[in-house]
mmCIF file of all heavy atoms, coordinates in Angstrom:
data_MODEL
# 
_entry.id   MODEL 
# 
loop_
_atom_site.group_PDB 
_atom_site.id 
_atom_site.type_symbol 
_atom_site.label_atom_id 
_atom_site.label_alt_id 
_atom_site.label_comp_id 
_atom_site.label_asym_id 
_atom_site.label_entity_id 
_atom_site.label_seq_id 
_atom_site.pdbx_PDB_ins_code 
_atom_site.Cartn_x 
_atom_site.Cartn_y 
_atom_site.Cartn_z 
_atom_site.occupancy 
_atom_site.B_iso_or_equiv 
_atom_site.pdbx_formal_charge 
_atom_site.auth_seq_id 
_atom_site.auth_comp_id 
_atom_site.auth_asym_id 
_atom_site.auth_atom_id 
_atom_site.pdbx_PDB_model_num 
ATOM 1   N N   . ALA A 1 1  ? -34.208 11.783 -79.565 1.00 0.00 ? 1  ALA A N   1 
ATOM 2   C CA  . ALA A 1 1  ? -35.277 12.415 -78.920 1.00 0.00 ? 1  ALA A CA  1 
ATOM 3   C C   . ALA A 1 1  ? -36.605 11.624 -78.864 1.00 0.00 ? 1  ALA A C   1 
ATOM 4   O O   . ALA A 1 1  ? -37.022 11.036 -79.987 1.00 0.00 ? 1  ALA A O   1 
ATOM 5   C CB  . ALA A 1 1  ? -35.693 13.756 -79.556 1.00 0.00 ? 1  ALA A CB  1 
ATOM 6   N N   . ARG A 1 2  ? -37.201 11.326 -77.716 1.00 0.00 ? 2  ARG A N   1 
ATOM 7   C CA  . ARG A 1 2  ? -38.362 10.382 -77.592 1.00 0.00 ? 2  ARG A CA  1 
ATOM 8   C C   . ARG A 1 2  ? -39.553 11.355 -77.307 1.00 0.00 ? 2  ARG A C   1 
ATOM 9   O O   . ARG A 1 2  ? -40.685 10.768 -77.100 1.00 0.00 ? 2  ARG A O   1 
ATOM 10  C CB  . ARG A 1 2  ? -38.176 9.548  -76.404 1.00 0.00 ? 2  ARG A CB  1 
ATOM 11  C CG  . ARG A 1 2  ? -37.034 8.490  -76.723 1.00 0.00 ? 2  ARG A CG  1 
ATOM 12  C CD  . ARG A 1 2  ? -36.782 7.598  -75.560 1.00 0.00 ? 2  ARG A CD  1 
ATOM 13  N NE  . ARG A 1 2  ? -35.855 6.503  -75.961 1.00 0.00 ? 2  ARG A NE  1 
ATOM 14  C CZ  . ARG A 1 2  ? -34.523 6.715  -76.127 1.00 0.00 ? 2  ARG A CZ  1 
ATOM 15  N NH1 . ARG A 1 2  ? -33.976 7.928  -75.880 1.00 0.00 ? 2  ARG A NH1 1 
ATOM 16  N NH2 . ARG A 1 2  ? -33.744 5.749  -76.397 1.00 0.00 ? 2  ARG A NH2 1 
ATOM 17  N N   . SER A 1 3  ? -39.459 12.648 -77.408 1.00 0.00 ? 3  SER A N   1 
ATOM 18  C CA  . SER A 1 3  ? -40.642 13.572 -77.235 1.00 0.00 ? 3  SER A CA  1 
ATOM 19  C C   . SER A 1 3  ? -40.244 14.788 -77.948 1.00 0.00 ? 3  SER A C   1 
ATOM 20  O O   . SER A 1 3  ? -39.187 15.158 -78.118 1.00 0.00 ? 3  SER A O   1 
ATOM 21  C CB  . SER A 1 3  ? -41.002 13.776 -75.794 1.00 0.00 ? 3  SER A CB  1 
ATOM 22  O OG  . SER A 1 3  ? -39.980 14.482 -75.272 1.00 0.00 ? 3  SER A OG  1 
ATOM 23  N N   . GLU A 1 4  ? -41.359 15.703 -78.240 1.00 0.00 ? 4  GLU A N   1 
ATOM 24  C CA  . GLU A 1 4  ? -41.149 16.975 -78.786 1.00 0.00 ? 4  GLU A CA  1 
ATOM 25  C C   . GLU A 1 4  ? -40.379 17.750 -77.784 1.00 0.00 ? 4  GLU A C   1 
ATOM 26  O O   . GLU A 1 4  ? -39.533 18.586 -78.073 1.00 0.00 ? 4  GLU A O   1 
ATOM 27  C CB  . GLU A 1 4  ? -42.505 17.585 -79.108 1.00 0.00 ? 4  GLU A CB  1 
ATOM 28  C CG  . GLU A 1 4  ? -43.176 16.967 -80.273 1.00 0.00 ? 4  GLU A CG  1 
ATOM 29  C CD  . GLU A 1 4  ? -44.527 17.701 -80.594 1.00 0.00 ? 4  GLU A CD  1 
ATOM 30  O OE1 . GLU A 1 4  ? -44.431 18.971 -81.130 1.00 0.00 ? 4  GLU A OE1 1 
ATOM 31  O OE2 . GLU A 1 4  ? -45.550 17.300 -80.291 1.00 0.00 ? 4  GLU A OE2 1 
ATOM 32  N N   . GLN A 1 5  ? -40.571 17.608 -76.459 1.00 0.00 ? 5  GLN A N   1 
ATOM 33  C CA  . GLN A 1 5  ? -39.916 18.339 -75.499 1.00 0.00 ? 5  GLN A CA  1 
ATOM 34  C C   . GLN A 1 5  ? -38.373 18.080 -75.598 1.00 0.00 ? 5  GLN A C   1 
ATOM 35  O O   . GLN A 1 5  ? -37.571 19.034 -75.470 1.00 0.00 ? 5  GLN A O   1 
ATOM 36  C CB  . GLN A 1 5  ? -40.378 18.045 -74.091 1.00 0.00 ? 5  GLN A CB  1 
ATOM 37  C CG  . GLN A 1 5  ? -39.740 18.768 -72.940 1.00 0.00 ? 5  GLN A CG  1 
ATOM 38  C CD  . GLN A 1 5  ? -40.222 18.394 -71.587 1.00 0.00 ? 5  GLN A CD  1 
ATOM 39  O OE1 . GLN A 1 5  ? -41.047 17.418 -71.522 1.00 0.00 ? 5  GLN A OE1 1 
ATOM 40  N NE2 . GLN A 1 5  ? -39.849 19.104 -70.584 1.00 0.00 ? 5  GLN A NE2 1 
ATOM 41  N N   . GLU A 1 6  ? -37.930 16.795 -75.697 1.00 0.00 ? 6  GLU A N   1 
ATOM 42  C CA  . GLU A 1 6  ? -36.578 16.448 -75.758 1.00 0.00 ? 6  GLU A CA  1 
ATOM 43  C C   . GLU A 1 6  ? -35.938 17.103 -77.078 1.00 0.00 ? 6  GLU A C   1 
ATOM 44  O O   . GLU A 1 6  ? -34.896 17.534 -77.050 1.00 0.00 ? 6  GLU A O   1 
ATOM 45  C CB  . GLU A 1 6  ? -36.371 14.930 -75.755 1.00 0.00 ? 6  GLU A CB  1 
ATOM 46  C CG  . GLU A 1 6  ? -36.565 14.353 -74.378 1.00 0.00 ? 6  GLU A CG  1 
ATOM 47  C CD  . GLU A 1 6  ? -36.317 12.811 -74.297 1.00 0.00 ? 6  GLU A CD  1 
ATOM 48  O OE1 . GLU A 1 6  ? -35.939 12.318 -75.407 1.00 0.00 ? 6  GLU A OE1 1 
ATOM 49  O OE2 . GLU A 1 6  ? -36.531 12.295 -73.275 1.00 0.00 ? 6  GLU A OE2 1 
ATOM 50  N N   . LEU A 1 7  ? -36.697 16.977 -78.226 1.00 0.00 ? 7  LEU A N   1 
ATOM 51  C CA  . LEU A 1 7  ? -36.183 17.491 -79.438 1.00 0.00 ? 7  LEU A CA  1 
ATOM 52  C C   . LEU A 1 7  ? -36.021 19.068 -79.359 1.00 0.00 ? 7  LEU A C   1 
ATOM 53  O O   . LEU A 1 7  ? -35.027 19.671 -79.759 1.00 0.00 ? 7  LEU A O   1 
ATOM 54  C CB  . LEU A 1 7  ? -37.047 17.201 -80.518 1.00 0.00 ? 7  LEU A CB  1 
ATOM 55  C CG  . LEU A 1 7  ? -36.723 17.716 -82.002 1.00 0.00 ? 7  LEU A CG  1 
ATOM 56  C CD1 . LEU A 1 7  ? -35.248 17.322 -82.314 1.00 0.00 ? 7  LEU A CD1 1 
ATOM 57  C CD2 . LEU A 1 7  ? -37.752 17.184 -83.073 1.00 0.00 ? 7  LEU A CD2 1 
ATOM 58  N N   . ARG A 1 8  ? -37.014 19.825 -78.710 1.00 0.00 ? 8  ARG A N   1 
ATOM 59  C CA  . ARG A 1 8  ? -36.841 21.178 -78.471 1.00 0.00 ? 8  ARG A CA  1 
ATOM 60  C C   . ARG A 1 8  ? -35.617 21.438 -77.681 1.00 0.00 ? 8  ARG A C   1 
ATOM 61  O O   . ARG A 1 8  ? -34.963 22.574 -77.943 1.00 0.00 ? 8  ARG A O   1 
ATOM 62  C CB  . ARG A 1 8  ? -38.060 21.712 -77.932 1.00 0.00 ? 8  ARG A CB  1 
ATOM 63  C CG  . ARG A 1 8  ? -39.291 21.719 -78.731 1.00 0.00 ? 8  ARG A CG  1 
ATOM 64  C CD  . ARG A 1 8  ? -40.492 22.426 -78.054 1.00 0.00 ? 8  ARG A CD  1 
ATOM 65  N NE  . ARG A 1 8  ? -41.787 22.304 -78.850 1.00 0.00 ? 8  ARG A NE  1 
ATOM 66  C CZ  . ARG A 1 8  ? -42.145 22.991 -79.928 1.00 0.00 ? 8  ARG A CZ  1 
ATOM 67  N NH1 . ARG A 1 8  ? -41.309 23.977 -80.278 1.00 0.00 ? 8  ARG A NH1 1 
ATOM 68  N NH2 . ARG A 1 8  ? -43.233 22.762 -80.617 1.00 0.00 ? 8  ARG A NH2 1 
ATOM 69  N N   . ALA A 1 9  ? -35.425 20.675 -76.700 1.00 0.00 ? 9  ALA A N   1 
ATOM 70  C CA  . ALA A 1 9  ? -34.255 20.927 -75.830 1.00 0.00 ? 9  ALA A CA  1 
ATOM 71  C C   . ALA A 1 9  ? -32.826 20.985 -76.529 1.00 0.00 ? 9  ALA A C   1 
ATOM 72  O O   . ALA A 1 9  ? -32.022 21.830 -76.381 1.00 0.00 ? 9  ALA A O   1 
ATOM 73  C CB  . ALA A 1 9  ? -34.198 19.960 -74.692 1.00 0.00 ? 9  ALA A CB  1 
ATOM 74  N N   . SER A 1 10 ? -32.796 20.039 -77.568 1.00 0.00 ? 10 SER A N   1 
ATOM 75  C CA  . SER A 1 10 ? -31.600 19.983 -78.389 1.00 0.00 ? 10 SER A CA  1 
ATOM 76  C C   . SER A 1 10 ? -31.606 21.176 -79.415 1.00 0.00 ? 10 SER A C   1 
ATOM 77  O O   . SER A 1 10 ? -30.523 21.794 -79.547 1.00 0.00 ? 10 SER A O   1 
ATOM 78  C CB  . SER A 1 10 ? -31.638 18.644 -79.123 1.00 0.00 ? 10 SER A CB  1 
ATOM 79  O OG  . SER A 1 10 ? -31.468 17.585 -78.254 1.00 0.00 ? 10 SER A OG  1 
ATOM 80  N N   . LEU A 1 11 ? -32.784 21.408 -80.053 1.00 0.00 ? 11 LEU A N   1 
ATOM 81  C CA  . LEU A 1 11 ? -32.896 22.490 -80.998 1.00 0.00 ? 11 LEU A CA  1 
ATOM 82  C C   . LEU A 1 11 ? -32.520 23.864 -80.421 1.00 0.00 ? 11 LEU A C   1 
ATOM 83  O O   . LEU A 1 11 ? -31.997 24.694 -81.009 1.00 0.00 ? 11 LEU A O   1 
ATOM 84  C CB  . LEU A 1 11 ? -34.195 22.591 -81.684 1.00 0.00 ? 11 LEU A CB  1 
ATOM 85  C CG  . LEU A 1 11 ? -34.469 21.368 -82.479 1.00 0.00 ? 11 LEU A CG  1 
ATOM 86  C CD1 . LEU A 1 11 ? -35.911 21.275 -82.960 1.00 0.00 ? 11 LEU A CD1 1 
ATOM 87  C CD2 . LEU A 1 11 ? -33.471 21.367 -83.848 1.00 0.00 ? 11 LEU A CD2 1 
ATOM 88  N N   . ASP A 1 12 ? -32.786 23.966 -79.033 1.00 0.00 ? 12 ASP A N   1 
ATOM 89  C CA  . ASP A 1 12 ? -32.665 25.262 -78.345 1.00 0.00 ? 12 ASP A CA  1 
ATOM 90  C C   . ASP A 1 12 ? -31.205 25.509 -78.215 1.00 0.00 ? 12 ASP A C   1 
ATOM 91  O O   . ASP A 1 12 ? -30.837 26.635 -77.817 1.00 0.00 ? 12 ASP A O   1 
ATOM 92  C CB  . ASP A 1 12 ? -33.326 25.264 -77.074 1.00 0.00 ? 12 ASP A CB  1 
ATOM 93  C CG  . ASP A 1 12 ? -34.825 25.450 -77.179 1.00 0.00 ? 12 ASP A CG  1 
ATOM 94  O OD1 . ASP A 1 12 ? -35.300 25.773 -78.261 1.00 0.00 ? 12 ASP A OD1 1 
ATOM 95  O OD2 . ASP A 1 12 ? -35.448 25.193 -76.209 1.00 0.00 ? 12 ASP A OD2 1 
ATOM 96  N N   . TYR A 1 13 ? -30.292 24.604 -78.394 1.00 0.00 ? 13 TYR A N   1 
ATOM 97  C CA  . TYR A 1 13 ? -28.889 24.912 -78.412 1.00 0.00 ? 13 TYR A CA  1 
ATOM 98  C C   . TYR A 1 13 ? -28.502 26.115 -79.395 1.00 0.00 ? 13 TYR A C   1 
ATOM 99  O O   . TYR A 1 13 ? -27.625 26.828 -79.024 1.00 0.00 ? 13 TYR A O   1 
ATOM 100 C CB  . TYR A 1 13 ? -28.096 23.699 -78.877 1.00 0.00 ? 13 TYR A CB  1 
ATOM 101 C CG  . TYR A 1 13 ? -26.644 23.967 -79.179 1.00 0.00 ? 13 TYR A CG  1 
ATOM 102 C CD1 . TYR A 1 13 ? -25.666 23.995 -78.187 1.00 0.00 ? 13 TYR A CD1 1 
ATOM 103 C CD2 . TYR A 1 13 ? -26.161 24.229 -80.418 1.00 0.00 ? 13 TYR A CD2 1 
ATOM 104 C CE1 . TYR A 1 13 ? -24.310 24.300 -78.414 1.00 0.00 ? 13 TYR A CE1 1 
ATOM 105 C CE2 . TYR A 1 13 ? -24.795 24.499 -80.737 1.00 0.00 ? 13 TYR A CE2 1 
ATOM 106 C CZ  . TYR A 1 13 ? -23.889 24.538 -79.630 1.00 0.00 ? 13 TYR A CZ  1 
ATOM 107 O OH  . TYR A 1 13 ? -22.614 24.905 -79.918 1.00 0.00 ? 13 TYR A OH  1 
ATOM 108 N N   . GLU A 1 14 ? -29.168 26.159 -80.491 1.00 0.00 ? 14 GLU A N   1 
ATOM 109 C CA  . GLU A 1 14 ? -28.990 27.219 -81.506 1.00 0.00 ? 14 GLU A CA  1 
ATOM 110 C C   . GLU A 1 14 ? -29.232 28.599 -81.003 1.00 0.00 ? 14 GLU A C   1 
ATOM 111 O O   . GLU A 1 14 ? -28.611 29.494 -81.554 1.00 0.00 ? 14 GLU A O   1 
ATOM 112 C CB  . GLU A 1 14 ? -29.743 26.944 -82.662 1.00 0.00 ? 14 GLU A CB  1 
ATOM 113 C CG  . GLU A 1 14 ? -29.420 25.609 -83.500 1.00 0.00 ? 14 GLU A CG  1 
ATOM 114 C CD  . GLU A 1 14 ? -28.013 25.601 -84.017 1.00 0.00 ? 14 GLU A CD  1 
ATOM 115 O OE1 . GLU A 1 14 ? -27.607 26.679 -84.662 1.00 0.00 ? 14 GLU A OE1 1 
ATOM 116 O OE2 . GLU A 1 14 ? -27.249 24.768 -83.761 1.00 0.00 ? 14 GLU A OE2 1 
ATOM 117 N N   . THR A 1 15 ? -30.052 28.793 -80.057 1.00 0.00 ? 15 THR A N   1 
ATOM 118 C CA  . THR A 1 15 ? -30.229 30.025 -79.460 1.00 0.00 ? 15 THR A CA  1 
ATOM 119 C C   . THR A 1 15 ? -29.711 30.250 -78.104 1.00 0.00 ? 15 THR A C   1 
ATOM 120 O O   . THR A 1 15 ? -29.961 31.243 -77.401 1.00 0.00 ? 15 THR A O   1 
ATOM 121 C CB  . THR A 1 15 ? -31.786 30.393 -79.405 1.00 0.00 ? 15 THR A CB  1 
ATOM 122 O OG1 . THR A 1 15 ? -32.418 29.268 -78.744 1.00 0.00 ? 15 THR A OG1 1 
ATOM 123 C CG2 . THR A 1 15 ? -32.392 30.354 -80.818 1.00 0.00 ? 15 THR A CG2 1 
ATOM 124 N N   . ALA A 1 16 ? -28.959 29.178 -77.589 1.00 0.00 ? 16 ALA A N   1 
ATOM 125 C CA  . ALA A 1 16 ? -28.405 29.352 -76.284 1.00 0.00 ? 16 ALA A CA  1 
ATOM 126 C C   . ALA A 1 16 ? -27.252 30.375 -76.111 1.00 0.00 ? 16 ALA A C   1 
ATOM 127 O O   . ALA A 1 16 ? -26.581 30.644 -77.166 1.00 0.00 ? 16 ALA A O   1 
ATOM 128 C CB  . ALA A 1 16 ? -27.813 27.912 -75.784 1.00 0.00 ? 16 ALA A CB  1 
ATOM 129 N N   . SER A 1 17 ? -27.110 30.956 -75.029 1.00 0.00 ? 17 SER A N   1 
ATOM 130 C CA  . SER A 1 17 ? -26.056 31.864 -74.778 1.00 0.00 ? 17 SER A CA  1 
ATOM 131 C C   . SER A 1 17 ? -24.635 31.223 -74.705 1.00 0.00 ? 17 SER A C   1 
ATOM 132 O O   . SER A 1 17 ? -24.618 30.102 -74.384 1.00 0.00 ? 17 SER A O   1 
ATOM 133 C CB  . SER A 1 17 ? -26.316 32.749 -73.568 1.00 0.00 ? 17 SER A CB  1 
ATOM 134 O OG  . SER A 1 17 ? -26.114 31.942 -72.365 1.00 0.00 ? 17 SER A OG  1 
ATOM 135 N N   . PRO A 1 18 ? -23.599 32.032 -74.890 1.00 0.00 ? 18 PRO A N   1 
ATOM 136 C CA  . PRO A 1 18 ? -22.228 31.406 -74.668 1.00 0.00 ? 18 PRO A CA  1 
ATOM 137 C C   . PRO A 1 18 ? -22.151 30.775 -73.243 1.00 0.00 ? 18 PRO A C   1 
ATOM 138 O O   . PRO A 1 18 ? -21.453 29.811 -73.113 1.00 0.00 ? 18 PRO A O   1 
ATOM 139 C CB  . PRO A 1 18 ? -21.350 32.632 -74.967 1.00 0.00 ? 18 PRO A CB  1 
ATOM 140 C CG  . PRO A 1 18 ? -22.020 33.525 -75.747 1.00 0.00 ? 18 PRO A CG  1 
ATOM 141 C CD  . PRO A 1 18 ? -23.471 33.356 -75.411 1.00 0.00 ? 18 PRO A CD  1 
ATOM 142 N N   . ASP A 1 19 ? -22.724 31.507 -72.284 1.00 0.00 ? 19 ASP A N   1 
ATOM 143 C CA  . ASP A 1 19 ? -22.588 30.847 -70.888 1.00 0.00 ? 19 ASP A CA  1 
ATOM 144 C C   . ASP A 1 19 ? -23.284 29.581 -70.799 1.00 0.00 ? 19 ASP A C   1 
ATOM 145 O O   . ASP A 1 19 ? -22.919 28.704 -70.060 1.00 0.00 ? 19 ASP A O   1 
ATOM 146 C CB  . ASP A 1 19 ? -23.175 31.926 -69.861 1.00 0.00 ? 19 ASP A CB  1 
ATOM 147 C CG  . ASP A 1 19 ? -22.224 33.094 -69.666 1.00 0.00 ? 19 ASP A CG  1 
ATOM 148 O OD1 . ASP A 1 19 ? -20.975 32.993 -69.946 1.00 0.00 ? 19 ASP A OD1 1 
ATOM 149 O OD2 . ASP A 1 19 ? -22.690 34.107 -69.043 1.00 0.00 ? 19 ASP A OD2 1 
ATOM 150 N N   . GLN A 1 20 ? -24.472 29.439 -71.427 1.00 0.00 ? 20 GLN A N   1 
ATOM 151 C CA  . GLN A 1 20 ? -25.182 28.241 -71.309 1.00 0.00 ? 20 GLN A CA  1 
ATOM 152 C C   . GLN A 1 20 ? -24.609 27.131 -72.105 1.00 0.00 ? 20 GLN A C   1 
ATOM 153 O O   . GLN A 1 20 ? -24.594 25.991 -71.632 1.00 0.00 ? 20 GLN A O   1 
ATOM 154 C CB  . GLN A 1 20 ? -26.595 28.435 -72.016 1.00 0.00 ? 20 GLN A CB  1 
ATOM 155 C CG  . GLN A 1 20 ? -27.574 29.316 -71.194 1.00 0.00 ? 20 GLN A CG  1 
ATOM 156 C CD  . GLN A 1 20 ? -28.851 29.646 -71.931 1.00 0.00 ? 20 GLN A CD  1 
ATOM 157 O OE1 . GLN A 1 20 ? -28.758 30.018 -73.076 1.00 0.00 ? 20 GLN A OE1 1 
ATOM 158 N NE2 . GLN A 1 20 ? -30.028 29.422 -71.211 1.00 0.00 ? 20 GLN A NE2 1 
ATOM 159 N N   . ARG A 1 21 ? -23.753 27.423 -73.129 1.00 0.00 ? 21 ARG A N   1 
ATOM 160 C CA  . ARG A 1 21 ? -23.041 26.424 -73.837 1.00 0.00 ? 21 ARG A CA  1 
ATOM 161 C C   . ARG A 1 21 ? -21.684 26.097 -73.312 1.00 0.00 ? 21 ARG A C   1 
ATOM 162 O O   . ARG A 1 21 ? -21.230 24.905 -73.475 1.00 0.00 ? 21 ARG A O   1 
ATOM 163 C CB  . ARG A 1 21 ? -22.731 26.890 -75.330 1.00 0.00 ? 21 ARG A CB  1 
ATOM 164 C CG  . ARG A 1 21 ? -23.911 27.146 -76.244 1.00 0.00 ? 21 ARG A CG  1 
ATOM 165 C CD  . ARG A 1 21 ? -23.461 27.667 -77.463 1.00 0.00 ? 21 ARG A CD  1 
ATOM 166 N NE  . ARG A 1 21 ? -24.653 27.779 -78.525 1.00 0.00 ? 21 ARG A NE  1 
ATOM 167 C CZ  . ARG A 1 21 ? -24.460 28.220 -79.790 1.00 0.00 ? 21 ARG A CZ  1 
ATOM 168 N NH1 . ARG A 1 21 ? -23.371 28.215 -80.326 1.00 0.00 ? 21 ARG A NH1 1 
ATOM 169 N NH2 . ARG A 1 21 ? -25.577 28.227 -80.470 1.00 0.00 ? 21 ARG A NH2 1 
ATOM 170 N N   . ASP A 1 22 ? -21.196 26.843 -72.494 1.00 0.00 ? 22 ASP A N   1 
ATOM 171 C CA  . ASP A 1 22 ? -19.867 26.785 -71.945 1.00 0.00 ? 22 ASP A CA  1 
ATOM 172 C C   . ASP A 1 22 ? -19.804 25.499 -70.926 1.00 0.00 ? 22 ASP A C   1 
ATOM 173 O O   . ASP A 1 22 ? -20.572 25.309 -70.062 1.00 0.00 ? 22 ASP A O   1 
ATOM 174 C CB  . ASP A 1 22 ? -19.432 27.947 -71.115 1.00 0.00 ? 22 ASP A CB  1 
ATOM 175 C CG  . ASP A 1 22 ? -18.152 27.869 -70.416 1.00 0.00 ? 22 ASP A CG  1 
ATOM 176 O OD1 . ASP A 1 22 ? -17.227 27.179 -71.005 1.00 0.00 ? 22 ASP A OD1 1 
ATOM 177 O OD2 . ASP A 1 22 ? -17.944 28.471 -69.375 1.00 0.00 ? 22 ASP A OD2 1 
ATOM 178 N N   . TYR A 1 23 ? -18.893 24.593 -71.444 1.00 0.00 ? 23 TYR A N   1 
ATOM 179 C CA  . TYR A 1 23 ? -18.676 23.383 -70.707 1.00 0.00 ? 23 TYR A CA  1 
ATOM 180 C C   . TYR A 1 23 ? -17.432 23.445 -69.695 1.00 0.00 ? 23 TYR A C   1 
ATOM 181 O O   . TYR A 1 23 ? -17.155 22.570 -68.916 1.00 0.00 ? 23 TYR A O   1 
ATOM 182 C CB  . TYR A 1 23 ? -18.594 22.123 -71.566 1.00 0.00 ? 23 TYR A CB  1 
ATOM 183 C CG  . TYR A 1 23 ? -17.588 22.324 -72.602 1.00 0.00 ? 23 TYR A CG  1 
ATOM 184 C CD1 . TYR A 1 23 ? -16.286 22.175 -72.412 1.00 0.00 ? 23 TYR A CD1 1 
ATOM 185 C CD2 . TYR A 1 23 ? -18.092 22.546 -73.993 1.00 0.00 ? 23 TYR A CD2 1 
ATOM 186 C CE1 . TYR A 1 23 ? -15.255 22.292 -73.460 1.00 0.00 ? 23 TYR A CE1 1 
ATOM 187 C CE2 . TYR A 1 23 ? -17.066 22.714 -74.923 1.00 0.00 ? 23 TYR A CE2 1 
ATOM 188 C CZ  . TYR A 1 23 ? -15.829 22.598 -74.809 1.00 0.00 ? 23 TYR A CZ  1 
ATOM 189 O OH  . TYR A 1 23 ? -14.866 22.633 -75.798 1.00 0.00 ? 23 TYR A OH  1 
ATOM 190 N N   . ALA A 1 24 ? -16.591 24.404 -69.975 1.00 0.00 ? 24 ALA A N   1 
ATOM 191 C CA  . ALA A 1 24 ? -15.186 24.369 -69.363 1.00 0.00 ? 24 ALA A CA  1 
ATOM 192 C C   . ALA A 1 24 ? -15.359 24.524 -67.817 1.00 0.00 ? 24 ALA A C   1 
ATOM 193 O O   . ALA A 1 24 ? -14.626 23.779 -67.094 1.00 0.00 ? 24 ALA A O   1 
ATOM 194 C CB  . ALA A 1 24 ? -14.375 25.554 -69.945 1.00 0.00 ? 24 ALA A CB  1 
ATOM 195 N N   . ALA A 1 25 ? -16.174 25.389 -67.249 1.00 0.00 ? 25 ALA A N   1 
ATOM 196 C CA  . ALA A 1 25 ? -16.278 25.517 -65.879 1.00 0.00 ? 25 ALA A CA  1 
ATOM 197 C C   . ALA A 1 25 ? -16.684 24.270 -65.236 1.00 0.00 ? 25 ALA A C   1 
ATOM 198 O O   . ALA A 1 25 ? -16.297 23.930 -64.086 1.00 0.00 ? 25 ALA A O   1 
ATOM 199 C CB  . ALA A 1 25 ? -17.133 26.749 -65.594 1.00 0.00 ? 25 ALA A CB  1 
ATOM 200 N N   . ALA A 1 26 ? -17.665 23.716 -65.875 1.00 0.00 ? 26 ALA A N   1 
ATOM 201 C CA  . ALA A 1 26 ? -18.296 22.445 -65.324 1.00 0.00 ? 26 ALA A CA  1 
ATOM 202 C C   . ALA A 1 26 ? -17.177 21.223 -65.384 1.00 0.00 ? 26 ALA A C   1 
ATOM 203 O O   . ALA A 1 26 ? -16.976 20.638 -64.355 1.00 0.00 ? 26 ALA A O   1 
ATOM 204 C CB  . ALA A 1 26 ? -19.501 22.013 -66.066 1.00 0.00 ? 26 ALA A CB  1 
ATOM 205 N N   . PHE A 1 27 ? -16.444 21.161 -66.428 1.00 0.00 ? 27 PHE A N   1 
ATOM 206 C CA  . PHE A 1 27 ? -15.502 20.192 -66.587 1.00 0.00 ? 27 PHE A CA  1 
ATOM 207 C C   . PHE A 1 27 ? -14.370 20.231 -65.519 1.00 0.00 ? 27 PHE A C   1 
ATOM 208 O O   . PHE A 1 27 ? -13.842 19.274 -65.036 1.00 0.00 ? 27 PHE A O   1 
ATOM 209 C CB  . PHE A 1 27 ? -14.799 20.127 -67.972 1.00 0.00 ? 27 PHE A CB  1 
ATOM 210 C CG  . PHE A 1 27 ? -15.662 19.661 -69.031 1.00 0.00 ? 27 PHE A CG  1 
ATOM 211 C CD1 . PHE A 1 27 ? -17.076 19.424 -68.835 1.00 0.00 ? 27 PHE A CD1 1 
ATOM 212 C CD2 . PHE A 1 27 ? -15.219 19.380 -70.312 1.00 0.00 ? 27 PHE A CD2 1 
ATOM 213 C CE1 . PHE A 1 27 ? -17.875 18.948 -69.885 1.00 0.00 ? 27 PHE A CE1 1 
ATOM 214 C CE2 . PHE A 1 27 ? -16.043 18.882 -71.410 1.00 0.00 ? 27 PHE A CE2 1 
ATOM 215 C CZ  . PHE A 1 27 ? -17.369 18.638 -71.102 1.00 0.00 ? 27 PHE A CZ  1 
ATOM 216 N N   . ALA A 1 28 ? -14.169 21.550 -65.316 1.00 0.00 ? 28 ALA A N   1 
ATOM 217 C CA  . ALA A 1 28 ? -12.919 21.707 -64.388 1.00 0.00 ? 28 ALA A CA  1 
ATOM 218 C C   . ALA A 1 28 ? -13.315 21.347 -62.881 1.00 0.00 ? 28 ALA A C   1 
ATOM 219 O O   . ALA A 1 28 ? -12.400 21.127 -61.975 1.00 0.00 ? 28 ALA A O   1 
ATOM 220 C CB  . ALA A 1 28 ? -12.517 23.278 -64.367 1.00 0.00 ? 28 ALA A CB  1 
# 
């Protein structure tokens, strides 16, 4: 992370919904 904004984006993974985390639909 090169900024607080980038770090927050990664930390927000912890509160992301299952749909936001889901990579399967994109990968397919």
